[in-house]
């Protein structure tokens, strides 16, 4: 189960190779072409069937400001070496995949000896090791785990729903826009643990923020209800996110999804945490949560991005259970 997501692509280059690349991408149903960026010494091709969004020097800003899954470097790698190297450095720093020309010729029938390598005329790179089999296993684990969790925990869901309605007016669930993989927005579900007008009250509490960085956290948050305090302590409020896992917005294990306002304040190196699917639990979740500073939190998330494996996921799931029961670092 889960929606098949369209890959959002930018093309760097606007000459003949870019024109051919744009034509190829238009034939693919799994790609959304956002536009092209022009290199300094290029004149855009007359038949370029894509909008020119600006110069290649604007790539870092665009990667930080919009959801991009992959960047095609569609230009002569010798003639434009310096600009393409800068584009690669930006992709690596932010965590966006990129593709470079596999060969200088257009091939119509010949295929590479190694299956798929350069089959579309490009060699594709991503920050971190590509593990296609392990990624499929992870997704199967997510689907099975989320479906089982929603089924087995349904009596608990019913009890929590009743308690929330008995204590305060308002909806049972709280849906909030969060930033997912490569900047995609999705609505994350939680059991409502705060009063109905919590978002408007937040502005008056900003000076009491106890967390470093762009994240807002205070231990004795007056917006939290009595039922909310209990379900937050034991992370019960997060359980509806199993539905987000089933939909494919999230995984069981992965960095926690931030809100847009936080991401807008990220430094470029922190943005790389968005290169993987967000999750219910992660190194931060089992390492003290709100007891650790923002920079350390980001470093823990990047540790997951760089070291991810099925074994890592299983270890984190095993560590999550005692951490949640202890309520360590919860607020």
Protein backbone atom coordinates (compact mmCIF):
# COMPACT_ATOMS: atom_id res chain seq x y z
CA UNK A 1 0.00 0.00 0.00
CA UNK A 2 1.17 3.60 -0.44
CA UNK A 3 1.06 6.15 -3.17
CA UNK A 4 3.60 6.09 -5.95
CA UNK A 5 5.25 9.50 -5.82
CA UNK A 6 6.34 11.42 -8.89
CA UNK A 7 10.04 12.33 -8.92
CA UNK A 8 10.52 16.10 -8.98
CA UNK A 9 13.46 17.00 -11.23
CA UNK A 10 15.53 20.07 -12.09
CA UNK A 11 17.84 20.22 -15.13
CA UNK A 12 21.06 22.24 -14.98
CA UNK A 13 21.96 23.28 -18.52
CA UNK A 14 19.96 24.70 -21.41
CA UNK A 15 21.92 23.65 -24.51
CA UNK A 16 21.52 20.70 -26.92
CA UNK A 17 22.06 18.00 -24.26
CA UNK A 18 19.55 19.69 -21.97
CA UNK A 19 17.07 19.89 -24.83
CA UNK A 20 17.41 16.13 -25.48
CA UNK A 21 17.20 15.38 -21.74
CA UNK A 22 14.06 17.47 -21.35
CA UNK A 23 12.46 15.61 -24.27
CA UNK A 24 13.32 12.25 -22.64
CA UNK A 25 11.97 13.34 -19.25
CA UNK A 26 8.69 14.46 -20.82
CA UNK A 27 8.17 10.85 -21.93
CA UNK A 28 8.34 9.53 -18.37
CA UNK A 29 5.17 9.33 -16.31
CA UNK A 30 7.10 9.10 -13.04
CA UNK A 31 8.84 12.47 -13.45
CA UNK A 32 7.67 16.03 -12.86
CA UNK A 33 10.06 18.40 -14.63
CA UNK A 34 10.23 21.63 -12.65
CA UNK A 35 12.38 23.54 -15.14
CA UNK A 36 15.96 24.22 -16.19
CA UNK A 37 18.78 26.43 -14.94
CA UNK A 38 21.05 28.11 -17.48
CA UNK A 39 24.82 27.89 -17.28
CA UNK A 40 26.71 31.18 -17.53
CA UNK A 41 28.19 30.67 -21.01
CA UNK A 42 25.12 29.02 -22.55
CA UNK A 43 22.42 30.31 -24.84
CA UNK A 44 19.15 28.44 -24.21
CA UNK A 45 18.23 26.05 -27.02
CA UNK A 46 15.49 27.39 -29.26
CA UNK A 47 13.37 24.25 -28.86
CA UNK A 48 13.84 23.81 -25.11
CA UNK A 49 10.43 22.60 -23.90
CA UNK A 50 10.82 23.67 -20.28
CA UNK A 51 10.82 26.98 -18.39
CA UNK A 52 14.20 28.58 -17.68
CA UNK A 53 14.04 29.32 -13.95
CA UNK A 54 17.28 31.28 -13.72
CA UNK A 55 21.04 30.78 -13.65
CA UNK A 56 22.78 27.69 -12.31
CA UNK A 57 24.24 29.81 -9.51
CA UNK A 58 20.73 29.87 -8.01
CA UNK A 59 20.67 26.07 -7.56
CA UNK A 60 21.52 26.04 -3.81
CA UNK A 61 18.76 28.55 -3.09
CA UNK A 62 16.25 26.52 -5.14
CA UNK A 63 17.19 23.25 -3.43
CA UNK A 64 16.58 24.91 -0.07
CA UNK A 65 13.34 26.57 -1.12
CA UNK A 66 11.50 23.86 -3.04
CA UNK A 67 11.01 20.10 -3.11
CA UNK A 68 13.52 18.55 -5.54
CA UNK A 69 14.32 14.83 -5.72
CA UNK A 70 17.06 14.89 -8.34
CA UNK A 71 19.13 17.28 -10.43
CA UNK A 72 20.22 16.39 -13.99
CA UNK A 73 23.52 18.02 -14.97
CA UNK A 74 22.81 18.22 -18.70
CA UNK A 75 25.87 19.95 -20.12
CA UNK A 76 29.37 19.34 -21.46
CA UNK A 77 31.31 18.22 -18.37
CA UNK A 78 34.62 19.54 -19.79
CA UNK A 79 33.48 22.92 -21.03
CA UNK A 80 31.33 23.65 -17.96
CA UNK A 81 33.38 21.74 -15.39
CA UNK A 82 33.58 24.49 -12.75
CA UNK A 83 29.86 25.30 -12.75
CA UNK A 84 28.86 21.63 -12.72
CA UNK A 85 31.27 20.97 -9.85
CA UNK A 86 29.59 23.75 -7.87
CA UNK A 87 26.19 22.19 -8.62
CA UNK A 88 27.42 18.78 -7.41
CA UNK A 89 28.79 20.34 -4.22
CA UNK A 90 25.40 21.99 -3.55
CA UNK A 91 23.56 18.69 -4.07
CA UNK A 92 25.92 16.82 -1.75
CA UNK A 93 25.73 19.48 0.96
CA UNK A 94 21.92 19.57 0.95
CA UNK A 95 21.34 15.87 0.28
CA UNK A 96 19.73 15.96 -3.16
CA UNK A 97 20.43 13.22 -5.70
CA UNK A 98 22.02 14.17 -9.01
CA UNK A 99 22.81 12.64 -12.40
CA UNK A 100 25.81 13.31 -14.65
CA UNK A 101 26.20 12.41 -18.34
CA UNK A 102 27.39 8.82 -18.73
CA UNK A 103 28.96 9.41 -22.15
CA UNK A 104 29.29 12.24 -24.67
CA UNK A 105 27.21 10.57 -27.39
CA UNK A 106 23.49 10.02 -27.95
CA UNK A 107 22.78 6.29 -28.31
CA UNK A 108 19.53 5.03 -29.84
CA UNK A 109 19.87 1.22 -29.66
CA UNK A 110 23.08 0.36 -27.84
CA UNK A 111 22.72 -0.58 -24.16
CA UNK A 112 25.36 -0.57 -21.40
CA UNK A 113 26.87 -3.93 -20.46
CA UNK A 114 25.93 -3.44 -16.82
CA UNK A 115 22.14 -3.51 -16.44
CA UNK A 116 20.61 -0.03 -15.97
CA UNK A 117 23.99 1.71 -15.60
CA UNK A 118 23.72 4.75 -17.84
CA UNK A 119 20.65 3.35 -19.59
CA UNK A 120 19.09 6.83 -19.76
CA UNK A 121 22.40 8.45 -20.69
CA UNK A 122 23.18 9.43 -17.09
CA UNK A 123 24.92 7.98 -14.06
CA UNK A 124 22.81 8.66 -10.97
CA UNK A 125 24.25 9.51 -7.58
CA UNK A 126 22.76 10.05 -4.16
CA UNK A 127 24.21 11.04 -0.80
CA UNK A 128 24.67 7.73 1.00
CA UNK A 129 24.82 4.21 -0.32
CA UNK A 130 22.11 2.95 -2.68
CA UNK A 131 20.49 -0.18 -1.24
CA UNK A 132 17.49 -0.89 -3.50
CA UNK A 133 16.77 -4.37 -2.06
CA UNK A 134 17.07 -3.18 1.55
CA UNK A 135 14.86 -0.16 0.75
CA UNK A 136 12.14 -2.47 -0.58
CA UNK A 137 12.45 -4.66 2.53
CA UNK A 138 12.17 -1.56 4.70
CA UNK A 139 8.99 -0.49 2.93
CA UNK A 140 7.45 -3.96 3.34
CA UNK A 141 8.34 -3.84 7.04
CA UNK A 142 6.69 -0.41 7.28
CA UNK A 143 3.47 -1.60 5.63
CA UNK A 144 3.21 -4.79 7.69
CA UNK A 145 4.19 -3.05 10.93
CA UNK A 146 1.79 -0.12 10.42
CA UNK A 147 -1.13 -2.33 9.45
CA UNK A 148 -0.54 -4.64 12.43
CA UNK A 149 -0.11 -1.68 14.78
CA UNK A 150 -3.32 0.02 13.67
CA UNK A 151 -5.23 -3.23 14.10
CA UNK A 152 -3.81 -4.28 17.47
CA UNK A 153 -3.91 -0.79 18.97
CA UNK A 154 -7.46 0.03 17.89
CA UNK A 155 -8.90 -0.57 21.42
CA UNK A 156 -6.32 1.87 22.84
CA UNK A 157 -7.22 4.38 20.12
CA UNK A 158 -10.88 4.17 21.18
CA UNK A 159 -10.06 4.77 24.86
CA UNK A 160 -7.82 7.74 24.07
CA UNK A 161 -10.45 9.22 21.76
CA UNK A 162 -13.10 9.04 24.48
CA UNK A 163 -10.78 10.63 27.08
CA UNK A 164 -9.89 13.50 24.75
CA UNK A 165 -13.55 14.26 24.02
CA UNK A 166 -14.49 14.08 27.71
CA UNK A 167 -11.82 16.55 28.80
CA UNK A 168 -12.03 19.33 26.22
CA UNK A 169 -13.94 20.50 23.20
CA UNK A 170 -12.46 20.08 19.77
CA UNK A 171 -11.42 17.27 17.40
CA UNK A 172 -9.85 14.00 18.51
CA UNK A 173 -7.06 14.19 15.96
CA UNK A 174 -4.71 17.04 15.13
CA UNK A 175 -3.41 17.27 11.59
CA UNK A 176 -0.36 19.44 10.97
CA UNK A 177 1.56 20.12 7.78
CA UNK A 178 5.07 18.68 8.06
CA UNK A 179 8.05 18.56 5.72
CA UNK A 180 8.86 15.10 4.40
CA UNK A 181 11.50 13.59 2.16
CA UNK A 182 13.16 16.12 -0.18
CA UNK A 183 10.88 18.87 1.13
CA UNK A 184 7.53 17.28 0.23
CA UNK A 185 4.71 18.54 2.41
CA UNK A 186 2.23 16.15 4.02
CA UNK A 187 -0.34 16.28 6.80
CA UNK A 188 0.89 14.39 9.86
CA UNK A 189 -1.71 12.97 12.25
CA UNK A 190 -1.56 13.03 16.04
CA UNK A 191 -4.02 12.62 18.88
CA UNK A 192 -4.86 16.15 19.99
CA UNK A 193 -2.95 16.83 23.21
CA UNK A 194 -3.44 20.60 23.41
CA UNK A 195 -6.29 23.08 23.65
CA UNK A 196 -8.01 23.96 20.38
CA UNK A 197 -6.37 27.38 19.92
CA UNK A 198 -2.86 26.13 20.73
CA UNK A 199 -1.26 27.53 17.58
CA UNK A 200 -2.39 31.09 18.28
CA UNK A 201 -1.28 30.86 21.94
CA UNK A 202 2.18 29.67 20.83
CA UNK A 203 3.13 33.16 19.63
CA UNK A 204 2.75 34.54 23.14
CA UNK A 205 5.03 31.81 24.52
CA UNK A 206 7.96 32.14 22.12
CA UNK A 207 10.16 33.94 24.68
CA UNK A 208 9.86 30.93 27.00
CA UNK A 209 11.33 28.50 24.45
CA UNK A 210 13.78 26.12 26.17
CA UNK A 211 15.15 24.43 23.03
CA UNK A 212 18.07 25.72 20.99
CA UNK A 213 17.73 26.34 17.26
CA UNK A 214 14.43 26.89 15.43
CA UNK A 215 12.46 24.27 17.41
CA UNK A 216 9.91 25.41 20.01
CA UNK A 217 9.76 23.32 23.22
CA UNK A 218 8.89 24.21 26.82
CA UNK A 219 8.50 21.67 29.63
CA UNK A 220 5.43 23.13 31.34
CA UNK A 221 3.51 24.11 28.23
CA UNK A 222 0.19 25.62 29.40
CA UNK A 223 -1.49 24.58 26.16
CA UNK A 224 -1.25 20.87 26.99
CA UNK A 225 -4.34 19.23 28.51
CA UNK A 226 -4.17 16.69 31.34
CA UNK A 227 -4.92 13.81 28.99
CA UNK A 228 -2.48 15.36 26.54
CA UNK A 229 0.33 15.38 29.11
CA UNK A 230 -0.11 11.66 29.72
CA UNK A 231 -0.29 10.59 26.09
CA UNK A 232 2.67 12.82 25.18
CA UNK A 233 4.80 11.39 27.99
CA UNK A 234 4.42 7.89 26.58
CA UNK A 235 4.27 8.96 22.90
CA UNK A 236 0.71 7.65 22.56
CA UNK A 237 -0.19 10.89 20.77
CA UNK A 238 2.15 9.85 17.93
CA UNK A 239 0.48 6.48 17.23
CA UNK A 240 -1.97 7.80 14.56
CA UNK A 241 1.12 8.40 12.44
CA UNK A 242 1.01 4.69 11.66
CA UNK A 243 -1.54 5.82 9.08
CA UNK A 244 1.08 8.16 7.60
CA UNK A 245 3.47 5.20 7.46
CA UNK A 246 0.87 3.10 5.66
CA UNK A 247 0.31 5.90 3.13
CA UNK A 248 4.03 6.22 2.47
CA UNK A 249 4.49 9.73 3.89
CA UNK A 250 6.60 8.33 6.73
CA UNK A 251 8.53 5.25 7.78
CA UNK A 252 8.59 3.51 11.15
CA UNK A 253 12.24 4.55 11.57
CA UNK A 254 13.61 7.86 10.31
CA UNK A 255 14.25 11.46 11.40
CA UNK A 256 11.22 13.15 12.90
CA UNK A 257 9.36 15.34 10.35
CA UNK A 258 9.78 19.08 11.03
CA UNK A 259 7.36 21.92 10.42
CA UNK A 260 8.03 24.30 7.53
CA UNK A 261 8.97 27.21 9.79
CA UNK A 262 11.82 25.16 11.27
CA UNK A 263 13.12 24.02 7.88
CA UNK A 264 13.19 27.61 6.65
CA UNK A 265 15.71 28.35 9.41
CA UNK A 266 17.93 25.32 8.74
CA UNK A 267 21.54 25.75 7.78
CA UNK A 268 22.31 23.95 4.47
CA UNK A 269 24.03 21.01 6.20
CA UNK A 270 20.96 20.44 8.38
CA UNK A 271 18.72 20.18 5.30
CA UNK A 272 20.38 16.86 4.41
CA UNK A 273 18.30 15.16 7.11
CA UNK A 274 15.37 15.51 4.68
CA UNK A 275 17.07 13.24 2.13
CA UNK A 276 15.37 10.18 3.69
CA UNK A 277 11.75 9.46 4.56
CA UNK A 278 10.83 10.80 8.03
CA UNK A 279 9.86 8.34 10.73
CA UNK A 280 8.19 7.61 14.04
CA UNK A 281 11.43 6.91 15.87
CA UNK A 282 15.11 7.64 15.37
CA UNK A 283 18.38 8.13 17.26
CA UNK A 284 16.99 11.37 18.76
CA UNK A 285 13.90 9.57 20.04
CA UNK A 286 15.97 7.03 22.01
CA UNK A 287 18.73 9.44 23.13
CA UNK A 288 16.80 11.77 25.40
CA UNK A 289 14.61 13.70 22.94
CA UNK A 290 14.11 17.20 24.34
CA UNK A 291 17.02 16.78 26.77
CA UNK A 292 19.53 17.23 23.92
CA UNK A 293 20.34 20.40 21.96
CA UNK A 294 19.25 21.15 18.43
CA UNK A 295 22.66 20.77 16.74
CA UNK A 296 23.23 17.41 18.42
CA UNK A 297 19.75 16.37 17.31
CA UNK A 298 20.61 17.24 13.70
CA UNK A 299 23.92 15.35 13.94
CA UNK A 300 22.08 12.27 15.23
CA UNK A 301 19.71 12.45 12.27
CA UNK A 302 22.62 12.73 9.81
CA UNK A 303 24.22 9.75 11.52
CA UNK A 304 21.08 7.80 10.64
CA UNK A 305 21.16 9.07 7.02
CA UNK A 306 24.79 7.98 6.63
CA UNK A 307 24.62 4.67 8.54
CA UNK A 308 21.14 3.42 7.67
CA UNK A 309 20.57 -0.33 7.33
CA UNK A 310 17.82 -2.81 8.19
CA UNK A 311 19.87 -3.86 11.23
CA UNK A 312 20.04 -0.22 12.37
CA UNK A 313 16.25 0.08 12.06
CA UNK A 314 15.68 -3.07 14.10
CA UNK A 315 18.05 -1.89 16.84
CA UNK A 316 16.31 1.49 17.00
CA UNK A 317 12.87 -0.14 17.23
CA UNK A 318 14.13 -2.33 20.08
CA UNK A 319 15.56 0.71 21.90
CA UNK A 320 12.39 2.75 21.37
CA UNK A 321 10.16 0.54 23.54
CA UNK A 322 12.04 1.04 26.84
CA UNK A 323 12.68 4.72 26.02
CA UNK A 324 8.94 5.34 25.51
CA UNK A 325 7.94 3.39 28.64
CA UNK A 326 10.40 5.46 30.67
CA UNK A 327 9.06 8.68 29.15
CA UNK A 328 12.61 10.02 28.95
CA UNK A 329 12.98 13.50 27.47
CA UNK A 330 9.25 13.83 26.76
CA UNK A 331 7.44 17.16 27.02
